């Protein structure tokens, strides 16, 4: 089966499930609010996209799927009664989400470790703001921490940029040119 067929069938399954749930809601077979319906389905779609991106080694699908999955989880938690998640947490949640996206890119290709540095920095910022919002840290402690350690982020970003752009020089003196194969045979010119 081709990749296109897999992609179409996955999207088709998602549309079938979404349509069945909406029909069951319309005929009062199930009682769901819109958020309880949309966010879990989008989370599953994001999870499938991320998995497909990891399998196919496609960064766009990994990023898109992870973003859809994590934002869906955030908004799903907002619709549930047992959790208190104010909308004000969307900014630190965004730091956490994009930190996780960077870590996922590193997990996909561990050789591309330069994704890990900004990922960890974003996770630290988002996590510290979340801890402050929920009362585990005080605002002045976080401000003092950031005031003291923000240059470390510059050092890490700079080191990542320097090490990323370093390319080893080839030993044969070819100056980075790809090796040439044998020349194709030439045919005599019919004059």
N, C-alpha and C. Protein backbone atom coordinates (compact mmCIF):
# COMPACT_ATOMS: atom_id res chain seq x y z
N UNK A 1 0.85 -1.18 0.00
CA UNK A 1 0.00 0.00 0.00
C UNK A 1 0.89 1.24 0.00
N UNK A 2 0.56 2.24 -0.76
CA UNK A 2 1.40 3.43 -0.86
C UNK A 2 1.17 4.35 0.33
N UNK A 3 2.08 5.33 0.45
CA UNK A 3 1.95 6.30 1.55
C UNK A 3 0.67 7.12 1.41
N UNK A 4 0.30 7.47 0.19
CA UNK A 4 -0.92 8.25 -0.02
C UNK A 4 -2.13 7.48 0.45
N UNK A 5 -2.18 6.20 0.16
CA UNK A 5 -3.32 5.39 0.59
C UNK A 5 -3.38 5.32 2.11
N UNK A 6 -2.24 5.19 2.78
CA UNK A 6 -2.22 5.19 4.24
C UNK A 6 -2.71 6.51 4.80
N UNK A 7 -2.27 7.61 4.21
CA UNK A 7 -2.66 8.93 4.69
C UNK A 7 -4.16 9.15 4.50
N UNK A 8 -4.68 8.78 3.36
CA UNK A 8 -6.10 8.98 3.08
C UNK A 8 -6.94 8.11 4.00
N UNK A 9 -6.54 6.86 4.21
CA UNK A 9 -7.34 5.99 5.07
C UNK A 9 -7.31 6.46 6.52
N UNK A 10 -6.20 7.01 6.98
CA UNK A 10 -6.13 7.53 8.34
C UNK A 10 -7.04 8.73 8.49
N UNK A 11 -6.99 9.64 7.54
CA UNK A 11 -7.89 10.79 7.58
C UNK A 11 -9.33 10.34 7.45
N UNK A 12 -9.59 9.35 6.62
CA UNK A 12 -10.95 8.83 6.47
C UNK A 12 -11.47 8.23 7.77
N UNK A 13 -10.64 7.47 8.46
CA UNK A 13 -11.05 6.91 9.76
C UNK A 13 -11.36 8.01 10.77
N UNK A 14 -10.54 9.06 10.77
CA UNK A 14 -10.78 10.18 11.67
C UNK A 14 -12.12 10.84 11.35
N UNK A 15 -12.41 11.07 10.08
CA UNK A 15 -13.67 11.71 9.69
C UNK A 15 -14.87 10.82 10.02
N UNK A 16 -14.73 9.52 9.83
CA UNK A 16 -15.82 8.60 10.18
C UNK A 16 -16.11 8.66 11.67
N UNK A 17 -15.06 8.59 12.49
CA UNK A 17 -15.25 8.63 13.95
C UNK A 17 -15.87 9.95 14.38
N UNK A 18 -15.39 11.04 13.83
CA UNK A 18 -15.91 12.36 14.17
C UNK A 18 -17.39 12.47 13.76
N UNK A 19 -17.73 12.00 12.57
CA UNK A 19 -19.11 12.05 12.11
C UNK A 19 -20.04 11.18 12.94
N UNK A 20 -19.60 9.99 13.31
CA UNK A 20 -20.43 9.09 14.13
C UNK A 20 -20.71 9.72 15.49
N UNK A 21 -19.69 10.30 16.10
CA UNK A 21 -19.89 10.92 17.41
C UNK A 21 -20.86 12.10 17.31
N UNK A 22 -20.74 12.90 16.28
CA UNK A 22 -21.65 14.04 16.11
C UNK A 22 -23.08 13.54 15.89
N UNK A 23 -23.24 12.50 15.06
CA UNK A 23 -24.58 11.94 14.84
C UNK A 23 -25.18 11.39 16.13
N UNK A 24 -24.39 10.68 16.92
CA UNK A 24 -24.88 10.16 18.19
C UNK A 24 -25.29 11.29 19.13
N UNK A 25 -24.57 12.38 19.07
CA UNK A 25 -24.92 13.55 19.89
C UNK A 25 -26.21 14.19 19.39
N UNK A 26 -26.35 14.31 18.08
CA UNK A 26 -27.55 14.93 17.51
C UNK A 26 -28.81 14.14 17.82
N UNK A 27 -28.69 12.80 17.86
CA UNK A 27 -29.85 11.97 18.15
C UNK A 27 -29.99 11.66 19.64
N UNK A 28 -29.25 12.40 20.46
CA UNK A 28 -29.32 12.31 21.92
C UNK A 28 -29.00 10.93 22.46
N UNK A 29 -28.16 10.19 21.75
CA UNK A 29 -27.70 8.90 22.25
C UNK A 29 -26.61 9.12 23.30
N UNK A 30 -25.75 10.11 23.05
CA UNK A 30 -24.73 10.49 24.02
C UNK A 30 -24.89 11.97 24.31
N UNK A 31 -24.44 12.37 25.48
CA UNK A 31 -24.55 13.78 25.87
C UNK A 31 -23.15 14.32 26.13
N UNK A 32 -22.65 15.07 25.18
CA UNK A 32 -21.32 15.65 25.30
C UNK A 32 -21.38 17.13 24.99
N UNK A 33 -20.53 17.88 25.68
CA UNK A 33 -20.35 19.28 25.29
C UNK A 33 -19.36 19.31 24.12
N UNK A 34 -19.33 20.41 23.41
CA UNK A 34 -18.47 20.49 22.22
C UNK A 34 -17.00 20.27 22.57
N UNK A 35 -16.53 20.84 23.67
CA UNK A 35 -15.14 20.67 24.06
C UNK A 35 -14.79 19.24 24.41
N UNK A 36 -15.74 18.53 24.99
CA UNK A 36 -15.50 17.14 25.33
C UNK A 36 -15.45 16.27 24.08
N UNK A 37 -15.97 16.78 22.98
CA UNK A 37 -16.00 16.04 21.73
C UNK A 37 -14.80 16.38 20.84
N UNK A 38 -14.54 17.65 20.67
CA UNK A 38 -13.54 18.09 19.71
C UNK A 38 -12.12 17.82 20.19
N UNK A 39 -11.82 18.19 21.45
CA UNK A 39 -10.44 18.11 21.92
C UNK A 39 -9.88 16.69 21.97
N UNK A 40 -10.64 15.68 22.42
CA UNK A 40 -10.06 14.33 22.38
C UNK A 40 -9.80 13.84 20.96
N UNK A 41 -10.70 14.17 20.04
CA UNK A 41 -10.50 13.75 18.65
C UNK A 41 -9.29 14.44 18.03
N UNK A 42 -9.13 15.74 18.33
CA UNK A 42 -7.95 16.44 17.82
C UNK A 42 -6.67 15.89 18.46
N UNK A 43 -6.75 15.51 19.74
CA UNK A 43 -5.58 14.93 20.41
C UNK A 43 -5.18 13.62 19.73
N UNK A 44 -6.15 12.79 19.39
CA UNK A 44 -5.86 11.53 18.71
C UNK A 44 -5.27 11.81 17.32
N UNK A 45 -5.84 12.77 16.62
CA UNK A 45 -5.30 13.13 15.30
C UNK A 45 -3.85 13.61 15.44
N UNK A 46 -3.57 14.47 16.42
CA UNK A 46 -2.20 14.94 16.64
C UNK A 46 -1.25 13.82 16.98
N UNK A 47 -1.73 12.87 17.78
CA UNK A 47 -0.91 11.72 18.15
C UNK A 47 -0.58 10.87 16.92
N UNK A 48 -1.58 10.65 16.05
CA UNK A 48 -1.33 9.90 14.82
C UNK A 48 -0.37 10.65 13.90
N UNK A 49 -0.53 11.97 13.80
CA UNK A 49 0.38 12.76 12.96
C UNK A 49 1.81 12.67 13.48
N UNK A 50 1.97 12.76 14.79
CA UNK A 50 3.31 12.68 15.37
C UNK A 50 3.92 11.31 15.12
N UNK A 51 3.13 10.26 15.33
CA UNK A 51 3.62 8.91 15.08
C UNK A 51 4.01 8.71 13.63
N UNK A 52 3.18 9.21 12.73
CA UNK A 52 3.47 9.10 11.29
C UNK A 52 4.74 9.89 10.95
N UNK A 53 4.91 11.05 11.57
CA UNK A 53 6.12 11.84 11.33
C UNK A 53 7.38 11.14 11.83
N UNK A 54 7.27 10.47 12.98
CA UNK A 54 8.42 9.73 13.50
C UNK A 54 8.75 8.54 12.61
N UNK A 55 7.72 7.86 12.11
CA UNK A 55 7.94 6.71 11.24
C UNK A 55 8.53 7.14 9.90
N UNK A 56 7.95 8.20 9.30
CA UNK A 56 8.40 8.67 7.99
C UNK A 56 9.60 9.61 8.07
N UNK A 57 10.02 9.97 9.29
CA UNK A 57 11.13 10.89 9.51
C UNK A 57 10.86 12.25 8.87
N UNK A 58 9.67 12.79 9.14
CA UNK A 58 9.26 14.08 8.57
C UNK A 58 9.06 15.07 9.69
N UNK A 59 9.92 16.09 9.72
CA UNK A 59 9.89 17.07 10.81
C UNK A 59 8.58 17.85 10.86
N UNK A 60 8.03 18.18 9.72
CA UNK A 60 6.78 18.96 9.68
C UNK A 60 5.64 18.24 10.38
N UNK A 61 5.54 16.94 10.14
CA UNK A 61 4.48 16.17 10.79
C UNK A 61 4.74 16.02 12.28
N UNK A 62 5.99 15.88 12.66
CA UNK A 62 6.31 15.77 14.08
C UNK A 62 5.93 17.06 14.79
N UNK A 63 6.32 18.19 14.22
CA UNK A 63 6.01 19.49 14.84
C UNK A 63 4.50 19.72 14.85
N UNK A 64 3.85 19.58 13.71
CA UNK A 64 2.41 19.82 13.63
C UNK A 64 1.60 18.89 14.52
N UNK A 65 1.94 17.61 14.49
CA UNK A 65 1.21 16.65 15.31
C UNK A 65 1.39 16.89 16.79
N UNK A 66 2.63 17.20 17.20
CA UNK A 66 2.89 17.45 18.61
C UNK A 66 2.16 18.70 19.08
N UNK A 67 2.17 19.75 18.27
CA UNK A 67 1.48 20.99 18.64
C UNK A 67 -0.03 20.74 18.76
N UNK A 68 -0.61 20.06 17.78
CA UNK A 68 -2.05 19.76 17.83
C UNK A 68 -2.38 18.91 19.05
N UNK A 69 -1.58 17.88 19.30
CA UNK A 69 -1.82 16.99 20.43
C UNK A 69 -1.76 17.74 21.76
N UNK A 70 -0.69 18.53 21.97
CA UNK A 70 -0.52 19.17 23.28
C UNK A 70 -1.51 20.31 23.51
N UNK A 71 -1.81 21.11 22.48
CA UNK A 71 -2.84 22.14 22.68
C UNK A 71 -4.20 21.50 22.92
N UNK A 72 -4.48 20.38 22.26
CA UNK A 72 -5.75 19.68 22.49
C UNK A 72 -5.84 19.19 23.92
N UNK A 73 -4.74 18.67 24.44
CA UNK A 73 -4.73 18.22 25.84
C UNK A 73 -4.95 19.40 26.77
N UNK A 74 -4.31 20.53 26.49
CA UNK A 74 -4.49 21.73 27.31
C UNK A 74 -5.97 22.14 27.35
N UNK A 75 -6.60 22.23 26.18
CA UNK A 75 -8.00 22.67 26.15
C UNK A 75 -8.95 21.59 26.66
N UNK A 76 -8.58 20.31 26.51
CA UNK A 76 -9.39 19.24 27.09
C UNK A 76 -9.38 19.34 28.61
N UNK A 77 -8.22 19.60 29.20
CA UNK A 77 -8.15 19.76 30.65
C UNK A 77 -8.98 20.95 31.12
N UNK A 78 -9.06 21.98 30.29
CA UNK A 78 -9.89 23.14 30.65
C UNK A 78 -11.38 22.79 30.67
N UNK A 79 -11.81 21.83 29.85
CA UNK A 79 -13.24 21.48 29.81
C UNK A 79 -13.62 20.50 30.90
N UNK A 80 -12.63 19.82 31.49
CA UNK A 80 -12.94 18.82 32.51
C UNK A 80 -13.18 19.50 33.85
N UNK A 81 -14.07 18.92 34.63
CA UNK A 81 -14.45 19.54 35.90
C UNK A 81 -13.41 19.35 36.99
N UNK A 82 -12.62 18.32 36.97
CA UNK A 82 -11.68 18.05 38.05
C UNK A 82 -10.41 18.88 38.02
N UNK A 83 -10.18 19.61 36.93
CA UNK A 83 -8.96 20.39 36.79
C UNK A 83 -9.28 21.87 36.73
N UNK A 84 -8.42 22.67 37.36
CA UNK A 84 -8.54 24.11 37.24
C UNK A 84 -7.38 24.60 36.38
N UNK A 85 -7.70 24.92 35.14
CA UNK A 85 -6.69 25.41 34.20
C UNK A 85 -7.21 26.72 33.61
N UNK A 86 -6.78 27.86 34.18
CA UNK A 86 -7.24 29.14 33.64
C UNK A 86 -6.62 29.43 32.27
N UNK A 87 -7.29 30.22 31.48
CA UNK A 87 -6.81 30.56 30.14
C UNK A 87 -5.52 31.38 30.21
N UNK A 88 -5.26 32.00 31.36
CA UNK A 88 -4.02 32.77 31.52
C UNK A 88 -2.78 31.89 31.38
N UNK A 89 -2.95 30.60 31.55
CA UNK A 89 -1.80 29.69 31.46
C UNK A 89 -1.45 29.32 30.02
N UNK A 90 -2.11 29.91 29.04
CA UNK A 90 -1.83 29.59 27.64
C UNK A 90 -0.41 29.99 27.26
N UNK A 91 0.11 31.08 27.83
CA UNK A 91 1.48 31.51 27.49
C UNK A 91 2.52 30.55 28.05
N UNK A 92 2.50 30.22 29.36
CA UNK A 92 3.48 29.23 29.80
C UNK A 92 3.26 27.85 29.17
N UNK A 93 2.00 27.52 28.88
CA UNK A 93 1.74 26.25 28.20
C UNK A 93 2.37 26.25 26.80
N UNK A 94 2.37 27.40 26.14
CA UNK A 94 2.99 27.51 24.83
C UNK A 94 4.50 27.30 24.93
N UNK A 95 5.14 27.86 25.97
CA UNK A 95 6.56 27.61 26.18
C UNK A 95 6.81 26.11 26.38
N UNK A 96 5.98 25.48 27.20
CA UNK A 96 6.13 24.04 27.44
C UNK A 96 5.91 23.24 26.16
N UNK A 97 4.89 23.60 25.39
CA UNK A 97 4.56 22.86 24.17
C UNK A 97 5.70 22.94 23.16
N UNK A 98 6.22 24.14 22.94
CA UNK A 98 7.30 24.25 21.96
C UNK A 98 8.61 23.69 22.49
N UNK A 99 8.79 23.67 23.81
CA UNK A 99 9.93 22.96 24.39
C UNK A 99 9.83 21.47 24.12
N UNK A 100 8.63 20.91 24.29
CA UNK A 100 8.43 19.49 24.01
C UNK A 100 8.61 19.20 22.52
N UNK A 101 8.18 20.13 21.66
CA UNK A 101 8.37 19.96 20.20
C UNK A 101 9.86 19.86 19.89
N UNK A 102 10.66 20.74 20.49
CA UNK A 102 12.11 20.70 20.24
C UNK A 102 12.72 19.39 20.74
N UNK A 103 12.28 18.94 21.89
CA UNK A 103 12.79 17.66 22.42
C UNK A 103 12.36 16.51 21.51
N UNK A 104 11.14 16.57 20.96
CA UNK A 104 10.68 15.52 20.03
C UNK A 104 11.54 15.50 18.77
N UNK A 105 11.95 16.67 18.28
CA UNK A 105 12.83 16.70 17.11
C UNK A 105 14.18 16.08 17.44
N UNK A 106 14.66 16.31 18.67
CA UNK A 106 15.91 15.67 19.10
C UNK A 106 15.73 14.16 19.20
N UNK A 107 14.59 13.72 19.75
CA UNK A 107 14.34 12.28 19.89
C UNK A 107 14.28 11.62 18.51
N UNK A 108 13.72 12.32 17.53
CA UNK A 108 13.62 11.77 16.18
C UNK A 108 15.01 11.54 15.59
N UNK A 109 15.91 12.51 15.76
CA UNK A 109 17.28 12.38 15.26
C UNK A 109 18.23 12.84 16.36
N UNK A 110 18.72 11.93 17.19
CA UNK A 110 19.62 12.32 18.28
C UNK A 110 20.89 13.02 17.80
N UNK A 111 21.26 12.86 16.57
CA UNK A 111 22.42 13.56 16.04
C UNK A 111 22.19 15.06 15.94
N UNK A 112 20.95 15.48 15.86
CA UNK A 112 20.61 16.90 15.80
C UNK A 112 20.36 17.41 17.22
N UNK A 113 21.41 17.37 18.04
CA UNK A 113 21.30 17.71 19.45
C UNK A 113 21.03 19.18 19.67
N UNK A 114 21.25 20.03 18.67
CA UNK A 114 21.04 21.46 18.84
C UNK A 114 19.57 21.81 19.05
N UNK A 115 18.65 20.89 18.80
CA UNK A 115 17.26 21.12 19.15
C UNK A 115 17.03 20.98 20.65
N UNK A 116 17.89 20.24 21.31
CA UNK A 116 17.72 19.97 22.72
C UNK A 116 17.93 21.21 23.58
N UNK A 117 18.88 22.06 23.23
CA UNK A 117 19.20 23.23 24.05
C UNK A 117 18.02 24.20 24.13
N UNK A 118 17.48 24.68 23.00
CA UNK A 118 16.32 25.58 23.13
C UNK A 118 15.11 24.86 23.73
N UNK A 119 14.99 23.57 23.48
CA UNK A 119 13.88 22.81 24.06
C UNK A 119 13.93 22.82 25.57
N UNK A 120 15.11 22.59 26.13
CA UNK A 120 15.24 22.59 27.58
C UNK A 120 15.05 23.99 28.17
N UNK A 121 15.53 25.00 27.45
CA UNK A 121 15.33 26.38 27.93
C UNK A 121 13.84 26.73 27.94
N UNK A 122 13.13 26.39 26.87
CA UNK A 122 11.69 26.66 26.82
C UNK A 122 10.94 25.88 27.90
N UNK A 123 11.32 24.63 28.12
CA UNK A 123 10.69 23.84 29.18
C UNK A 123 10.94 24.45 30.55
N UNK A 124 12.15 24.95 30.77
CA UNK A 124 12.47 25.57 32.06
C UNK A 124 11.66 26.84 32.28
N UNK A 125 11.54 27.66 31.24
CA UNK A 125 10.76 28.90 31.38
C UNK A 125 9.29 28.59 31.61
N UNK A 126 8.73 27.73 30.78
CA UNK A 126 7.31 27.38 30.93
C UNK A 126 7.02 26.69 32.25
N UNK A 127 7.91 25.79 32.66
CA UNK A 127 7.72 25.10 33.93
C UNK A 127 7.81 26.03 35.12
N UNK A 128 8.75 26.97 35.09
CA UNK A 128 8.88 27.89 36.21
C UNK A 128 7.68 28.83 36.31
N UNK A 129 7.15 29.28 35.18
CA UNK A 129 5.97 30.14 35.22
C UNK A 129 4.76 29.34 35.72
N UNK A 130 4.63 28.09 35.29
CA UNK A 130 3.53 27.24 35.78
C UNK A 130 3.65 27.03 37.29
N UNK A 131 4.85 26.74 37.78
CA UNK A 131 5.04 26.55 39.21
C UNK A 131 4.71 27.82 39.99
N UNK A 132 5.02 28.97 39.41
CA UNK A 132 4.69 30.23 40.06
C UNK A 132 3.18 30.44 40.08
N UNK A 133 2.51 30.14 38.98
CA UNK A 133 1.06 30.33 38.90
C UNK A 133 0.31 29.45 39.88
N UNK A 134 0.81 28.23 40.10
CA UNK A 134 0.13 27.32 41.02
C UNK A 134 0.63 27.43 42.46
N UNK A 135 1.51 28.40 42.73
CA UNK A 135 1.91 28.70 44.10
C UNK A 135 3.05 27.87 44.65
N UNK A 136 3.76 27.13 43.83
CA UNK A 136 4.90 26.36 44.32
C UNK A 136 6.16 27.20 44.41
N UNK A 137 6.24 28.24 43.61
CA UNK A 137 7.31 29.23 43.68
C UNK A 137 6.66 30.57 43.86
N UNK A 138 7.43 31.51 44.33
CA UNK A 138 6.94 32.88 44.42
C UNK A 138 7.50 33.67 43.25
N UNK A 139 6.75 34.68 42.84
CA UNK A 139 7.15 35.48 41.69
C UNK A 139 8.52 36.11 41.85
N UNK A 140 8.82 36.57 43.05
CA UNK A 140 10.12 37.22 43.25
C UNK A 140 11.26 36.21 43.14
N UNK A 141 11.03 34.96 43.54
CA UNK A 141 12.07 33.94 43.39
C UNK A 141 12.37 33.67 41.92
N UNK A 142 11.31 33.59 41.11
CA UNK A 142 11.50 33.34 39.69
C UNK A 142 12.19 34.54 39.03
N UNK A 143 11.77 35.74 39.39
CA UNK A 143 12.40 36.92 38.81
C UNK A 143 13.89 36.98 39.18
N UNK A 144 14.20 36.66 40.42
CA UNK A 144 15.61 36.66 40.85
C UNK A 144 16.40 35.59 40.11
N UNK A 145 15.81 34.42 39.94
CA UNK A 145 16.47 33.34 39.21
C UNK A 145 16.74 33.75 37.77
N UNK A 146 15.72 34.29 37.09
CA UNK A 146 15.90 34.72 35.70
C UNK A 146 16.88 35.88 35.59
N UNK A 147 16.83 36.80 36.55
CA UNK A 147 17.73 37.95 36.54
C UNK A 147 19.18 37.49 36.66
N UNK A 148 19.41 36.44 37.44
CA UNK A 148 20.76 35.94 37.64
C UNK A 148 21.23 35.07 36.48
N UNK A 149 20.37 34.19 35.98
CA UNK A 149 20.81 33.15 35.06
C UNK A 149 20.46 33.38 33.60
N UNK A 150 19.86 34.51 33.21
CA UNK A 150 19.50 34.67 31.80
C UNK A 150 20.72 34.68 30.88
N UNK A 151 21.90 35.14 31.31
CA UNK A 151 23.06 35.04 30.39
C UNK A 151 23.45 33.60 30.05
N UNK A 152 23.11 32.66 30.93
CA UNK A 152 23.42 31.26 30.63
C UNK A 152 22.67 30.79 29.39
N UNK A 153 21.46 31.30 29.19
CA UNK A 153 20.70 30.97 27.98
C UNK A 153 21.42 31.48 26.74
N UNK A 154 22.00 32.68 26.83
CA UNK A 154 22.76 33.22 25.69
C UNK A 154 23.98 32.34 25.39
N UNK A 155 24.66 31.90 26.45
CA UNK A 155 25.83 31.04 26.27
C UNK A 155 25.42 29.73 25.60
N UNK A 156 24.33 29.12 26.05
CA UNK A 156 23.89 27.86 25.48
C UNK A 156 23.46 28.02 24.02
N UNK A 157 22.68 29.08 23.73
CA UNK A 157 22.27 29.31 22.35
C UNK A 157 23.48 29.56 21.46
N UNK A 158 24.42 30.39 21.92
CA UNK A 158 25.62 30.67 21.14
C UNK A 158 26.45 29.43 20.89
N UNK A 159 26.62 28.61 21.93
CA UNK A 159 27.38 27.37 21.77
C UNK A 159 26.70 26.44 20.77
N UNK A 160 25.39 26.38 20.84
CA UNK A 160 24.65 25.55 19.89
C UNK A 160 24.83 26.03 18.47
N UNK A 161 24.80 27.35 18.27
CA UNK A 161 24.97 27.88 16.92
C UNK A 161 26.38 27.63 16.39
N UNK A 162 27.39 27.82 17.26
CA UNK A 162 28.77 27.61 16.82
C UNK A 162 29.02 26.15 16.49
N UNK A 163 28.58 25.26 17.35
CA UNK A 163 28.83 23.84 17.12
C UNK A 163 27.99 23.29 15.98
N UNK A 164 26.86 23.87 15.73
CA UNK A 164 26.00 23.39 14.64
C UNK A 164 26.61 23.69 13.29
N UNK A 165 27.25 24.84 13.14
CA UNK A 165 27.75 25.25 11.84
C UNK A 165 29.18 24.80 11.58
N UNK A 166 29.79 24.12 12.53
CA UNK A 166 31.13 23.58 12.29
C UNK A 166 31.01 22.33 11.45
N UNK A 167 31.71 22.32 10.34
CA UNK A 167 31.74 21.14 9.48
C UNK A 167 33.17 20.64 9.42
N UNK A 168 33.37 19.37 9.58
CA UNK A 168 34.74 18.85 9.48
C UNK A 168 35.25 18.99 8.05
N UNK A 169 36.52 19.38 7.95
CA UNK A 169 37.12 19.51 6.63
C UNK A 169 37.53 18.13 6.14
N UNK A 170 37.25 17.85 4.87
CA UNK A 170 37.64 16.53 4.34
C UNK A 170 39.16 16.40 4.28
N UNK A 171 39.64 15.20 4.53
CA UNK A 171 41.09 14.95 4.56
C UNK A 171 41.70 14.91 3.16
N UNK A 172 40.90 14.65 2.13
CA UNK A 172 41.45 14.51 0.78
C UNK A 172 41.64 15.84 0.06
N UNK A 173 41.30 16.95 0.68
CA UNK A 173 41.51 18.26 0.08
C UNK A 173 40.49 18.62 -0.99
N UNK A 174 39.33 17.99 -1.00
CA UNK A 174 38.35 18.27 -2.04
C UNK A 174 37.49 19.48 -1.72
N UNK A 175 37.71 20.10 -0.57
CA UNK A 175 36.99 21.31 -0.17
C UNK A 175 35.49 21.12 -0.13
N UNK A 176 35.03 19.96 0.29
CA UNK A 176 33.61 19.74 0.49
C UNK A 176 32.83 19.38 -0.76
N UNK A 177 33.52 19.20 -1.89
CA UNK A 177 32.81 18.83 -3.10
C UNK A 177 32.45 17.36 -3.04
N UNK A 178 31.29 16.99 -3.55
CA UNK A 178 30.94 15.57 -3.52
C UNK A 178 31.87 14.79 -4.45
N UNK A 179 32.16 13.55 -4.10
CA UNK A 179 33.05 12.76 -4.97
C UNK A 179 32.38 12.50 -6.31
N UNK A 180 33.20 12.54 -7.33
CA UNK A 180 32.67 12.31 -8.68
C UNK A 180 32.80 10.85 -9.04
N UNK A 181 31.81 10.38 -9.74
CA UNK A 181 31.84 9.01 -10.22
C UNK A 181 32.57 8.95 -11.54
N UNK A 182 32.61 7.79 -12.14
CA UNK A 182 33.26 7.66 -13.45
C UNK A 182 32.50 8.46 -14.51
N UNK A 183 33.25 8.99 -15.43
CA UNK A 183 32.65 9.76 -16.51
C UNK A 183 31.87 8.83 -17.44
N UNK A 184 30.68 9.27 -17.88
CA UNK A 184 29.92 8.43 -18.81
C UNK A 184 30.65 8.37 -20.16
N UNK A 185 30.53 7.26 -20.84
CA UNK A 185 31.20 7.16 -22.16
C UNK A 185 30.58 8.14 -23.15
N UNK A 186 31.41 8.66 -23.97
CA UNK A 186 30.92 9.61 -24.98
C UNK A 186 30.73 8.87 -26.29
N UNK A 187 29.76 9.31 -27.02
CA UNK A 187 29.50 8.71 -28.34
C UNK A 187 30.04 9.64 -29.40
N UNK A 188 30.55 9.10 -30.48
CA UNK A 188 31.06 9.96 -31.53
C UNK A 188 29.93 10.79 -32.16
N UNK A 189 30.28 11.98 -32.55
CA UNK A 189 29.32 12.90 -33.15
C UNK A 189 29.08 12.49 -34.61
N UNK A 190 27.82 12.17 -34.97
CA UNK A 190 27.58 11.87 -36.40
C UNK A 190 27.57 13.19 -37.18
N UNK A 191 28.53 13.37 -38.02
CA UNK A 191 28.63 14.63 -38.74
C UNK A 191 28.09 14.58 -40.09
